[in-house]
C-alpha atoms as a PDB file:
ATOM      1  CA  UNK A   1       6.800 -27.448  10.710  1.00  0.00           C
ATOM      2  CA  UNK A   2       7.213 -27.905   6.862  1.00  0.00           C
ATOM      3  CA  UNK A   3       4.446 -29.917   5.200  1.00  0.00           C
ATOM      4  CA  UNK A   4       7.134 -32.351   3.615  1.00  0.00           C
ATOM      5  CA  UNK A   5      10.799 -33.068   4.429  1.00  0.00           C
ATOM      6  CA  UNK A   6      11.159 -33.130   0.780  1.00  0.00           C
ATOM      7  CA  UNK A   7       9.080 -29.844  -0.070  1.00  0.00           C
ATOM      8  CA  UNK A   8      12.188 -27.594  -0.608  1.00  0.00           C
ATOM      9  CA  UNK A   9      14.062 -29.602  -2.988  1.00  0.00           C
ATOM     10  CA  UNK A  10      10.437 -30.237  -5.103  1.00  0.00           C
ATOM     11  CA  UNK A  11      10.273 -26.365  -5.016  1.00  0.00           C
ATOM     12  CA  UNK A  12      13.580 -25.886  -6.531  1.00  0.00           C
ATOM     13  CA  UNK A  13      13.173 -28.117  -8.990  1.00  0.00           C
ATOM     14  CA  UNK A  14       9.825 -27.059 -10.225  1.00  0.00           C
ATOM     15  CA  UNK A  15      11.400 -23.564 -10.533  1.00  0.00           C
ATOM     16  CA  UNK A  16      14.043 -24.760 -12.626  1.00  0.00           C
ATOM     17  CA  UNK A  17      11.840 -26.666 -14.862  1.00  0.00           C
ATOM     18  CA  UNK A  18       9.271 -23.723 -15.282  1.00  0.00           C
ATOM     19  CA  UNK A  19       6.529 -25.638 -13.527  1.00  0.00           C
ATOM     20  CA  UNK A  20       4.520 -24.066 -10.817  1.00  0.00           C
ATOM     21  CA  UNK A  21       3.554 -25.457  -7.477  1.00  0.00           C
ATOM     22  CA  UNK A  22       0.696 -24.027  -5.521  1.00  0.00           C
ATOM     23  CA  UNK A  23      -0.384 -24.718  -1.952  1.00  0.00           C
ATOM     24  CA  UNK A  24      -4.155 -25.709  -1.337  1.00  0.00           C
ATOM     25  CA  UNK A  25      -6.233 -26.083   1.876  1.00  0.00           C
ATOM     26  CA  UNK A  26      -9.980 -27.245   2.112  1.00  0.00           C
ATOM     27  CA  UNK A  27     -12.303 -28.297   4.863  1.00  0.00           C
ATOM     28  CA  UNK A  28     -12.982 -31.966   5.647  1.00  0.00           C
ATOM     29  CA  UNK A  29     -16.057 -31.333   8.110  1.00  0.00           C
ATOM     30  CA  UNK A  30     -16.554 -35.194   8.299  1.00  0.00           C
ATOM     31  CA  UNK A  31     -12.752 -35.611   9.013  1.00  0.00           C
ATOM     32  CA  UNK A  32     -12.879 -32.913  11.920  1.00  0.00           C
ATOM     33  CA  UNK A  33     -10.417 -30.604  10.033  1.00  0.00           C
ATOM     34  CA  UNK A  34      -8.676 -29.313   7.374  1.00  0.00           C
ATOM     35  CA  UNK A  35      -6.773 -30.937   4.435  1.00  0.00           C
ATOM     36  CA  UNK A  36      -3.525 -29.483   3.006  1.00  0.00           C
ATOM     37  CA  UNK A  37      -2.787 -30.464  -0.653  1.00  0.00           C
ATOM     38  CA  UNK A  38      -0.455 -29.332  -3.550  1.00  0.00           C
ATOM     39  CA  UNK A  39      -1.319 -28.464  -7.072  1.00  0.00           C
ATOM     40  CA  UNK A  40       1.773 -29.205  -9.283  1.00  0.00           C
ATOM     41  CA  UNK A  41       1.179 -27.550 -12.675  1.00  0.00           C
ATOM     42  CA  UNK A  42       3.557 -28.057 -15.626  1.00  0.00           C
ATOM     43  CA  UNK A  43       5.334 -25.443 -17.547  1.00  0.00           C
ATOM     44  CA  UNK A  44       3.257 -25.780 -20.751  1.00  0.00           C
ATOM     45  CA  UNK A  45      -0.628 -26.384 -21.031  1.00  0.00           C
ATOM     46  CA  UNK A  46      -1.701 -29.442 -19.054  1.00  0.00           C
ATOM     47  CA  UNK A  47      -3.226 -32.132 -21.256  1.00  0.00           C
ATOM     48  CA  UNK A  48      -4.664 -34.075 -18.265  1.00  0.00           C
ATOM     49  CA  UNK A  49      -4.976 -34.229 -14.583  1.00  0.00           C
ATOM     50  CA  UNK A  50      -3.872 -36.760 -12.072  1.00  0.00           C
ATOM     51  CA  UNK A  51      -5.129 -37.068  -8.311  1.00  0.00           C
ATOM     52  CA  UNK A  52      -2.691 -38.931  -6.299  1.00  0.00           C
ATOM     53  CA  UNK A  53      -3.611 -40.778  -2.863  1.00  0.00           C
ATOM     54  CA  UNK A  54      -0.716 -41.577  -0.643  1.00  0.00           C
ATOM     55  CA  UNK A  55      -0.233 -44.611   1.455  1.00  0.00           C
ATOM     56  CA  UNK A  56      -0.778 -45.064   5.304  1.00  0.00           C
ATOM     57  CA  UNK A  57       1.820 -43.120   7.336  1.00  0.00           C
ATOM     58  CA  UNK A  58       3.025 -41.096   4.531  1.00  0.00           C
ATOM     59  CA  UNK A  59       2.022 -37.676   3.195  1.00  0.00           C
ATOM     60  CA  UNK A  60       0.890 -36.028  -0.125  1.00  0.00           C
ATOM     61  CA  UNK A  61       4.365 -35.947  -1.503  1.00  0.00           C
ATOM     62  CA  UNK A  62       6.375 -38.839  -0.067  1.00  0.00           C
ATOM     63  CA  UNK A  63       6.892 -41.505  -1.863  1.00  0.00           C
ATOM     64  CA  UNK A  64       5.619 -40.053  -5.191  1.00  0.00           C
ATOM     65  CA  UNK A  65       8.063 -37.181  -5.935  1.00  0.00           C
ATOM     66  CA  UNK A  66       9.572 -38.795  -8.964  1.00  0.00           C
ATOM     67  CA  UNK A  67       6.613 -39.713 -10.257  1.00  0.00           C
ATOM     68  CA  UNK A  68       4.987 -36.426 -10.073  1.00  0.00           C
ATOM     69  CA  UNK A  69       8.136 -34.860 -12.006  1.00  0.00           C
ATOM     70  CA  UNK A  70       7.685 -37.499 -14.455  1.00  0.00           C
ATOM     71  CA  UNK A  71       4.034 -36.848 -14.918  1.00  0.00           C
ATOM     72  CA  UNK A  72       4.844 -32.863 -14.973  1.00  0.00           C
ATOM     73  CA  UNK A  73       7.499 -33.627 -17.773  1.00  0.00           C
ATOM     74  CA  UNK A  74       4.828 -35.368 -19.879  1.00  0.00           C
ATOM     75  CA  UNK A  75       2.373 -32.170 -19.508  1.00  0.00           C
ATOM     76  CA  UNK A  76       0.109 -33.513 -16.809  1.00  0.00           C
ATOM     77  CA  UNK A  77      -1.131 -31.469 -13.751  1.00  0.00           C
ATOM     78  CA  UNK A  78      -1.036 -33.348 -10.373  1.00  0.00           C
ATOM     79  CA  UNK A  79      -3.065 -32.854  -7.195  1.00  0.00           C
ATOM     80  CA  UNK A  80      -1.628 -34.319  -4.258  1.00  0.00           C
ATOM     81  CA  UNK A  81      -3.607 -34.055  -0.803  1.00  0.00           C
ATOM     82  CA  UNK A  82      -3.059 -35.572   2.708  1.00  0.00           C
ATOM     83  CA  UNK A  83      -5.485 -38.426   3.382  1.00  0.00           C
ATOM     84  CA  UNK A  84      -7.548 -38.011   6.580  1.00  0.00           C
ATOM     85  CA  UNK A  85      -5.372 -38.240   9.445  1.00  0.00           C
ATOM     86  CA  UNK A  86      -2.169 -37.510   7.819  1.00  0.00           C
ATOM     87  CA  UNK A  87       0.135 -34.481   7.124  1.00  0.00           C
ATOM     88  CA  UNK A  88       1.889 -32.287   9.286  1.00  0.00           C
ATOM     89  CA  UNK A  89       0.202 -29.157   8.020  1.00  0.00           C
ATOM     90  CA  UNK A  90      -3.168 -31.014   7.814  1.00  0.00           C
ATOM     91  CA  UNK A  91      -5.478 -31.295  11.160  1.00  0.00           C
ATOM     92  CA  UNK A  92      -7.923 -34.016   9.944  1.00  0.00           C
ATOM     93  CA  UNK A  93      -8.418 -37.414  12.038  1.00  0.00           C
ATOM     94  CA  UNK A  94      -8.675 -40.803  10.301  1.00  0.00           C
ATOM     95  CA  UNK A  95     -11.805 -42.423  11.018  1.00  0.00           C
ATOM     96  CA  UNK A  96     -14.178 -44.778   9.243  1.00  0.00           C
ATOM     97  CA  UNK A  97     -16.896 -44.248   7.455  1.00  0.00           C
ATOM     98  CA  UNK A  98     -15.462 -40.628   7.002  1.00  0.00           C
ATOM     99  CA  UNK A  99     -12.012 -41.653   5.004  1.00  0.00           C
ATOM    100  CA  UNK A 100     -13.974 -43.466   2.383  1.00  0.00           C
ATOM    101  CA  UNK A 101     -15.025 -40.229   0.863  1.00  0.00           C
ATOM    102  CA  UNK A 102     -11.693 -38.591   1.034  1.00  0.00           C
ATOM    103  CA  UNK A 103     -10.722 -39.434  -2.604  1.00  0.00           C
ATOM    104  CA  UNK A 104     -14.079 -37.862  -4.263  1.00  0.00           C
ATOM    105  CA  UNK A 105     -13.482 -34.893  -2.099  1.00  0.00           C
ATOM    106  CA  UNK A 106     -10.113 -34.387  -3.282  1.00  0.00           C
ATOM    107  CA  UNK A 107     -11.035 -34.933  -6.807  1.00  0.00           C
ATOM    108  CA  UNK A 108     -13.840 -32.061  -6.449  1.00  0.00           C
ATOM    109  CA  UNK A 109     -11.321 -29.827  -4.938  1.00  0.00           C
ATOM    110  CA  UNK A 110      -8.632 -30.612  -7.810  1.00  0.00           C
ATOM    111  CA  UNK A 111     -11.173 -29.801 -10.518  1.00  0.00           C
ATOM    112  CA  UNK A 112     -12.695 -26.770  -8.417  1.00  0.00           C
ATOM    113  CA  UNK A 113     -12.800 -23.883 -10.849  1.00  0.00           C
ATOM    114  CA  UNK A 114     -10.536 -25.459 -13.032  1.00  0.00           C
ATOM    115  CA  UNK A 115     -10.738 -26.371 -17.075  1.00  0.00           C
ATOM    116  CA  UNK A 116     -11.874 -29.686 -17.526  1.00  0.00           C
ATOM    117  CA  UNK A 117      -9.102 -32.270 -18.160  1.00  0.00           C
ATOM    118  CA  UNK A 118      -8.972 -35.839 -18.525  1.00  0.00           C
ATOM    119  CA  UNK A 119      -8.840 -37.407 -15.194  1.00  0.00           C
ATOM    120  CA  UNK A 120      -6.586 -40.193 -13.863  1.00  0.00           C
ATOM    121  CA  UNK A 121      -6.047 -41.494 -10.437  1.00  0.00           C
ATOM    122  CA  UNK A 122      -2.511 -42.806  -8.680  1.00  0.00           C
ATOM    123  CA  UNK A 123      -2.733 -44.719  -5.302  1.00  0.00           C
ATOM    124  CA  UNK A 124       0.047 -46.124  -3.469  1.00  0.00           C
ATOM    125  CA  UNK A 125      -0.545 -48.813  -1.021  1.00  0.00           C
ATOM    126  CA  UNK A 126      -3.626 -48.179   0.930  1.00  0.00           C
ATOM    127  CA  UNK A 127      -4.181 -45.025  -0.985  1.00  0.00           C
ATOM    128  CA  UNK A 128      -4.565 -47.351  -3.999  1.00  0.00           C
ATOM    129  CA  UNK A 129      -7.263 -49.235  -2.202  1.00  0.00           C
ATOM    130  CA  UNK A 130      -8.917 -45.973  -1.302  1.00  0.00           C
ATOM    131  CA  UNK A 131      -8.841 -44.831  -5.151  1.00  0.00           C
ATOM    132  CA  UNK A 132     -10.209 -48.084  -6.048  1.00  0.00           C
ATOM    133  CA  UNK A 133     -13.076 -47.998  -3.604  1.00  0.00           C
ATOM    134  CA  UNK A 134     -14.079 -44.660  -4.985  1.00  0.00           C
ATOM    135  CA  UNK A 135     -14.064 -46.010  -8.440  1.00  0.00           C
ATOM    136  CA  UNK A 136     -16.205 -49.008  -7.596  1.00  0.00           C
ATOM    137  CA  UNK A 137     -18.816 -46.727  -5.530  1.00  0.00           C
ATOM    138  CA  UNK A 138     -19.321 -44.860  -8.776  1.00  0.00           C
ATOM    139  CA  UNK A 139     -18.270 -41.429  -6.964  1.00  0.00           C
ATOM    140  CA  UNK A 140     -15.711 -40.779  -9.703  1.00  0.00           C
ATOM    141  CA  UNK A 141     -17.506 -41.858 -13.032  1.00  0.00           C
ATOM    142  CA  UNK A 142     -15.434 -39.726 -15.357  1.00  0.00           C
ATOM    143  CA  UNK A 143     -11.945 -40.990 -14.536  1.00  0.00           C
ATOM    144  CA  UNK A 144     -10.104 -42.305 -17.567  1.00  0.00           C
ATOM    145  CA  UNK A 145      -7.412 -44.723 -16.039  1.00  0.00           C
ATOM    146  CA  UNK A 146      -5.913 -45.686 -12.731  1.00  0.00           C
ATOM    147  CA  UNK A 147      -2.330 -46.736 -11.381  1.00  0.00           C
ATOM    148  CA  UNK A 148      -2.265 -48.362  -8.007  1.00  0.00           C
ATOM    149  CA  UNK A 149       1.129 -49.457  -6.603  1.00  0.00           C
ATOM    150  CA  UNK A 150       1.415 -51.984  -3.857  1.00  0.00           C
ATOM    151  CA  UNK A 151      -2.425 -51.719  -2.776  1.00  0.00           C
ATOM    152  CA  UNK A 152      -3.446 -54.369   0.035  1.00  0.00           C
ATOM    153  CA  UNK A 153      -6.663 -56.300   0.552  1.00  0.00           C
ATOM    154  CA  UNK A 154      -5.091 -56.811   4.005  1.00  0.00           C
ATOM    155  CA  UNK A 155      -1.869 -55.824   5.876  1.00  0.00           C
ATOM    156  CA  UNK A 156       0.315 -57.678   8.358  1.00  0.00           C
ATOM    157  CA  UNK A 157       3.150 -55.743  10.005  1.00  0.00           C
ATOM    158  CA  UNK A 158       5.532 -57.076  12.909  1.00  0.00           C
ATOM    159  CA  UNK A 159       8.865 -56.041  13.643  1.00  0.00           C
ATOM    160  CA  UNK A 160       9.905 -58.969  11.538  1.00  0.00           C
ATOM    161  CA  UNK A 161       8.346 -58.017   8.476  1.00  0.00           C
ATOM    162  CA  UNK A 162       9.843 -54.507   9.162  1.00  0.00           C
ATOM    163  CA  UNK A 163      13.161 -55.624   9.419  1.00  0.00           C
ATOM    164  CA  UNK A 164      12.678 -57.704   6.025  1.00  0.00           C
ATOM    165  CA  UNK A 165      11.186 -54.585   4.282  1.00  0.00           C
ATOM    166  CA  UNK A 166      14.251 -52.232   5.636  1.00  0.00           C
ATOM    167  CA  UNK A 167      16.655 -55.036   4.007  1.00  0.00           C
ATOM    168  CA  UNK A 168      14.524 -54.927   0.787  1.00  0.00           C
ATOM    169  CA  UNK A 169      14.599 -50.986   0.739  1.00  0.00           C
ATOM    170  CA  UNK A 170      18.615 -50.955   0.810  1.00  0.00           C
ATOM    171  CA  UNK A 171      18.506 -51.392  -3.105  1.00  0.00           C
ATOM    172  CA  UNK A 172      20.769 -49.496  -5.607  1.00  0.00           C
ATOM    173  CA  UNK A 173      17.480 -48.336  -7.617  1.00  0.00           C
ATOM    174  CA  UNK A 174      15.854 -47.199  -4.340  1.00  0.00           C
ATOM    175  CA  UNK A 175      19.142 -45.404  -3.086  1.00  0.00           C
ATOM    176  CA  UNK A 176      19.295 -43.533  -6.272  1.00  0.00           C
ATOM    177  CA  UNK A 177      15.868 -41.618  -5.477  1.00  0.00           C
ATOM    178  CA  UNK A 178      17.795 -39.670  -2.649  1.00  0.00           C
ATOM    179  CA  UNK A 179      18.110 -36.696  -5.150  1.00  0.00           C
ATOM    180  CA  UNK A 180      14.301 -36.150  -4.660  1.00  0.00           C
ATOM    181  CA  UNK A 181      14.283 -36.218  -0.873  1.00  0.00           C
ATOM    182  CA  UNK A 182      17.685 -36.482   0.634  1.00  0.00           C
ATOM    183  CA  UNK A 183      19.340 -39.416   2.270  1.00  0.00           C
ATOM    184  CA  UNK A 184      17.507 -39.440   5.607  1.00  0.00           C
ATOM    185  CA  UNK A 185      14.371 -37.990   3.877  1.00  0.00           C
ATOM    186  CA  UNK A 186      14.397 -41.167   1.712  1.00  0.00           C
ATOM    187  CA  UNK A 187      13.918 -43.506   4.864  1.00  0.00           C
ATOM    188  CA  UNK A 188      10.202 -44.381   5.248  1.00  0.00           C
ATOM    189  CA  UNK A 189       8.202 -43.774   8.385  1.00  0.00           C
ATOM    190  CA  UNK A 190       7.475 -47.140  10.262  1.00  0.00           C
ATOM    191  CA  UNK A 191       5.912 -47.608  13.673  1.00  0.00           C
ATOM    192  CA  UNK A 192       7.167 -44.784  15.784  1.00  0.00           C
ATOM    193  CA  UNK A 193       9.937 -43.848  13.486  1.00  0.00           C
ATOM    194  CA  UNK A 194       9.701 -40.291  11.932  1.00  0.00           C
ATOM    195  CA  UNK A 195       6.117 -39.705  13.259  1.00  0.00           C
ATOM    196  CA  UNK A 196       6.797 -36.029  13.943  1.00  0.00           C
ATOM    197  CA  UNK A 197       7.312 -35.622  10.147  1.00  0.00           C
ATOM    198  CA  UNK A 198       4.729 -38.084   9.112  1.00  0.00           C
ATOM    199  CA  UNK A 199       2.048 -38.086  11.995  1.00  0.00           C
ATOM    200  CA  UNK A 200      -1.110 -40.682  11.896  1.00  0.00           C
ATOM    201  CA  UNK A 201      -3.950 -38.969  13.868  1.00  0.00           C
ATOM    202  CA  UNK A 202      -6.862 -41.482  14.291  1.00  0.00           C
ATOM    203  CA  UNK A 203      -9.941 -41.561  16.401  1.00  0.00           C
ATOM    204  CA  UNK A 204      -9.934 -43.841  19.306  1.00  0.00           C
ATOM    205  CA  UNK A 205      -7.260 -45.144  21.231  1.00  0.00           C
ATOM    206  CA  UNK A 206      -3.646 -45.559  19.656  1.00  0.00           C
ATOM    207  CA  UNK A 207      -2.683 -49.219  20.056  1.00  0.00           C
ATOM    208  CA  UNK A 208       0.915 -48.838  20.303  1.00  0.00           C
ATOM    209  CA  UNK A 209       3.394 -48.020  17.725  1.00  0.00           C
ATOM    210  CA  UNK A 210       1.985 -50.076  15.073  1.00  0.00           C
ATOM    211  CA  UNK A 211      -1.579 -49.690  15.886  1.00  0.00           C
ATOM    212  CA  UNK A 212      -2.261 -47.886  12.610  1.00  0.00           C
ATOM    213  CA  UNK A 213      -1.964 -51.316  10.893  1.00  0.00           C
ATOM    214  CA  UNK A 214      -5.115 -52.114  12.627  1.00  0.00           C
ATOM    215  CA  UNK A 215      -6.959 -49.030  11.392  1.00  0.00           C
ATOM    216  CA  UNK A 216      -6.008 -49.712   8.116  1.00  0.00           C
ATOM    217  CA  UNK A 217      -7.223 -53.409   8.046  1.00  0.00           C
ATOM    218  CA  UNK A 218     -10.386 -52.259   9.248  1.00  0.00           C
ATOM    219  CA  UNK A 219     -10.643 -49.746   6.548  1.00  0.00           C
ATOM    220  CA  UNK A 220      -9.719 -52.705   4.035  1.00  0.00           C
ATOM    221  CA  UNK A 221     -12.298 -54.929   5.517  1.00  0.00           C
ATOM    222  CA  UNK A 222     -14.944 -52.230   4.808  1.00  0.00           C
ATOM    223  CA  UNK A 223     -13.647 -51.507   1.423  1.00  0.00           C
ATOM    224  CA  UNK A 224     -13.596 -55.108   0.360  1.00  0.00           C
ATOM    225  CA  UNK A 225     -11.386 -55.066  -2.766  1.00  0.00           C
ATOM    226  CA  UNK A 226     -11.874 -58.599  -3.914  1.00  0.00           C
ATOM    227  CA  UNK A 227     -15.684 -57.889  -4.320  1.00  0.00           C
ATOM    228  CA  UNK A 228     -15.559 -54.015  -5.455  1.00  0.00           C
ATOM    229  CA  UNK A 229     -13.094 -54.873  -8.174  1.00  0.00           C
ATOM    230  CA  UNK A 230     -15.334 -56.528 -10.608  1.00  0.00           C
ATOM    231  CA  UNK A 231     -17.371 -53.365 -11.023  1.00  0.00           C
ATOM    232  CA  UNK A 232     -14.257 -51.249 -12.130  1.00  0.00           C
ATOM    233  CA  UNK A 233     -14.629 -50.631 -15.861  1.00  0.00           C
ATOM    234  CA  UNK A 234     -11.597 -48.301 -16.505  1.00  0.00           C
ATOM    235  CA  UNK A 235      -8.024 -49.320 -17.296  1.00  0.00           C
ATOM    236  CA  UNK A 236      -6.145 -49.974 -14.398  1.00  0.00           C
ATOM    237  CA  UNK A 237      -2.244 -50.790 -13.947  1.00  0.00           C
ATOM    238  CA  UNK A 238      -1.450 -52.811 -10.949  1.00  0.00           C
ATOM    239  CA  UNK A 239       2.181 -52.514  -9.823  1.00  0.00           C
ATOM    240  CA  UNK A 240       3.479 -54.928  -6.915  1.00  0.00           C
ATOM    241  CA  UNK A 241       7.242 -55.930  -5.882  1.00  0.00           C
ATOM    242  CA  UNK A 242       8.126 -59.738  -5.926  1.00  0.00           C
ATOM    243  CA  UNK A 243       9.704 -59.310  -2.296  1.00  0.00           C
ATOM    244  CA  UNK A 244       6.770 -57.253  -0.630  1.00  0.00           C
ATOM    245  CA  UNK A 245       5.878 -58.997   2.579  1.00  0.00           C
ATOM    246  CA  UNK A 246       3.843 -56.268   3.933  1.00  0.00           C
ATOM    247  CA  UNK A 247       1.371 -56.865   0.636  1.00  0.00           C
ATOM    248  CA  UNK A 248       2.816 -60.220  -0.941  1.00  0.00           C
ATOM    249  CA  UNK A 249       2.271 -59.952  -4.650  1.00  0.00           C
ATOM    250  CA  UNK A 250      -0.390 -62.568  -4.710  1.00  0.00           C
ATOM    251  CA  UNK A 251      -2.931 -59.820  -3.732  1.00  0.00           C
ATOM    252  CA  UNK A 252      -1.939 -58.104  -6.921  1.00  0.00           C
ATOM    253  CA  UNK A 253      -2.554 -61.490  -8.867  1.00  0.00           C
ATOM    254  CA  UNK A 254      -5.909 -61.893  -7.390  1.00  0.00           C
ATOM    255  CA  UNK A 255      -6.987 -58.111  -7.915  1.00  0.00           C
ATOM    256  CA  UNK A 256      -5.779 -58.478 -11.477  1.00  0.00           C
ATOM    257  CA  UNK A 257      -7.964 -61.538 -12.120  1.00  0.00           C
ATOM    258  CA  UNK A 258     -10.951 -59.632 -10.704  1.00  0.00           C
ATOM    259  CA  UNK A 259     -10.558 -56.148 -12.561  1.00  0.00           C
ATOM    260  CA  UNK A 260     -11.988 -56.531 -15.905  1.00  0.00           C
ATOM    261  CA  UNK A 261      -9.398 -54.087 -17.796  1.00  0.00           C
ATOM    262  CA  UNK A 262      -6.131 -54.674 -15.665  1.00  0.00           C
ATOM    263  CA  UNK A 263      -2.497 -55.043 -16.495  1.00  0.00           C
ATOM    264  CA  UNK A 264       0.110 -56.332 -13.628  1.00  0.00           C
ATOM    265  CA  UNK A 265       3.405 -55.454 -13.621  1.00  0.00           C
ATOM    266  CA  UNK A 266       5.601 -57.083 -11.265  1.00  0.00           C
ATOM    267  CA  UNK A 267       9.035 -55.267  -9.832  1.00  0.00           C
ATOM    268  CA  UNK A 268      11.661 -58.242  -9.485  1.00  0.00           C
ATOM    269  CA  UNK A 269      13.046 -57.824  -5.879  1.00  0.00           C
ATOM    270  CA  UNK A 270      10.804 -54.679  -4.947  1.00  0.00           C
ATOM    271  CA  UNK A 271       9.701 -54.437  -1.363  1.00  0.00           C
ATOM    272  CA  UNK A 272       6.628 -52.547  -0.227  1.00  0.00           C
ATOM    273  CA  UNK A 273       8.561 -49.528   0.388  1.00  0.00           C
ATOM    274  CA  UNK A 274      10.868 -49.747  -2.291  1.00  0.00           C
ATOM    275  CA  UNK A 275       8.402 -50.408  -5.235  1.00  0.00           C
ATOM    276  CA  UNK A 276       7.037 -47.056  -5.520  1.00  0.00           C
ATOM    277  CA  UNK A 277      10.522 -45.485  -5.847  1.00  0.00           C
ATOM    278  CA  UNK A 278      11.637 -48.089  -8.539  1.00  0.00           C
ATOM    279  CA  UNK A 279      12.631 -46.326 -11.672  1.00  0.00           C
ATOM    280  CA  UNK A 280      10.911 -48.910 -14.142  1.00  0.00           C
ATOM    281  CA  UNK A 281       7.835 -48.811 -12.040  1.00  0.00           C
ATOM    282  CA  UNK A 282       7.724 -45.059 -12.384  1.00  0.00           C
ATOM    283  CA  UNK A 283       8.051 -44.945 -15.727  1.00  0.00           C
ATOM    284  CA  UNK A 284       5.615 -47.555 -16.736  1.00  0.00           C
ATOM    285  CA  UNK A 285       3.088 -45.736 -14.351  1.00  0.00           C
ATOM    286  CA  UNK A 286       3.654 -42.227 -16.108  1.00  0.00           C
ATOM    287  CA  UNK A 287       3.486 -44.001 -19.561  1.00  0.00           C
ATOM    288  CA  UNK A 288       0.155 -45.717 -18.693  1.00  0.00           C
ATOM    289  CA  UNK A 289      -1.242 -42.474 -17.833  1.00  0.00           C
ATOM    290  CA  UNK A 290      -0.150 -40.885 -21.070  1.00  0.00           C
ATOM    291  CA  UNK A 291      -1.205 -43.987 -23.244  1.00  0.00           C
ATOM    292  CA  UNK A 292      -5.068 -43.530 -21.682  1.00  0.00           C
ATOM    293  CA  UNK A 293      -5.160 -39.714 -21.411  1.00  0.00           C
ATOM    294  CA  UNK A 294      -8.472 -38.685 -23.097  1.00  0.00           C
ATOM    295  CA  UNK A 295      -9.653 -42.183 -23.239  1.00  0.00           C
ATOM    296  CA  UNK A 296     -13.671 -41.906 -22.743  1.00  0.00           C
ATOM    297  CA  UNK A 297     -14.348 -43.259 -19.184  1.00  0.00           C
END
């Protein structure tokens, strides 16, 4: 099974642009297995390094390929990894508290044997919550900036919300992103849908098609972003969709009020699944990282 449905398209694009894709594997003993990751290197000399953390039920590449291309075009190296319990080529298992050190472990692997570069974090959905937790805990003291997209302090998901999210996903701006994934590849995984491509391996009982939501909420209670955010003293861009029912935009507003150096971008009409694919959000996120490249941590 391939690491991601969109991998072939990305490899062809990188070959044309002169960029380089390297597969990386590293052990995660706390998570009971091995993590698959990708190092994406720009055609020229890298000016900064971005470690990307994906959301629950996705993998190292989906849905961040367009953002990765934008970052490569601006001269940034990208390190994207499967969070514990995710990825068709990884063998780890999602569990607390092991997953709480997944981001610091990825940063260490991204920097191992490499030139020192300004470090930035990008997190989508619960991946953003993990990234913010790592920053608040002081385990990554040298980060220069961060971007988090649709990151929750709590999640509610049922069939009604999933249906509403599916309608919000069918936006022209979102469908235009199929060049990176193909039409079926663009469709997100949710509940039991597309779980062969995007598995979610967790310790304990599965809890049904939406059982991963309980696992994510347990993580979010442990992370307690509303409290932890006050100790994050680097520039953070928050991006939230105005029609996100999974993670309502009020969560982003509350988080922005607690982060000492935050800016909040609202994507009009964006749902939880479509916000990360919005071209304006992608451009703003890449521009934010470029503007803060080299800023002292």
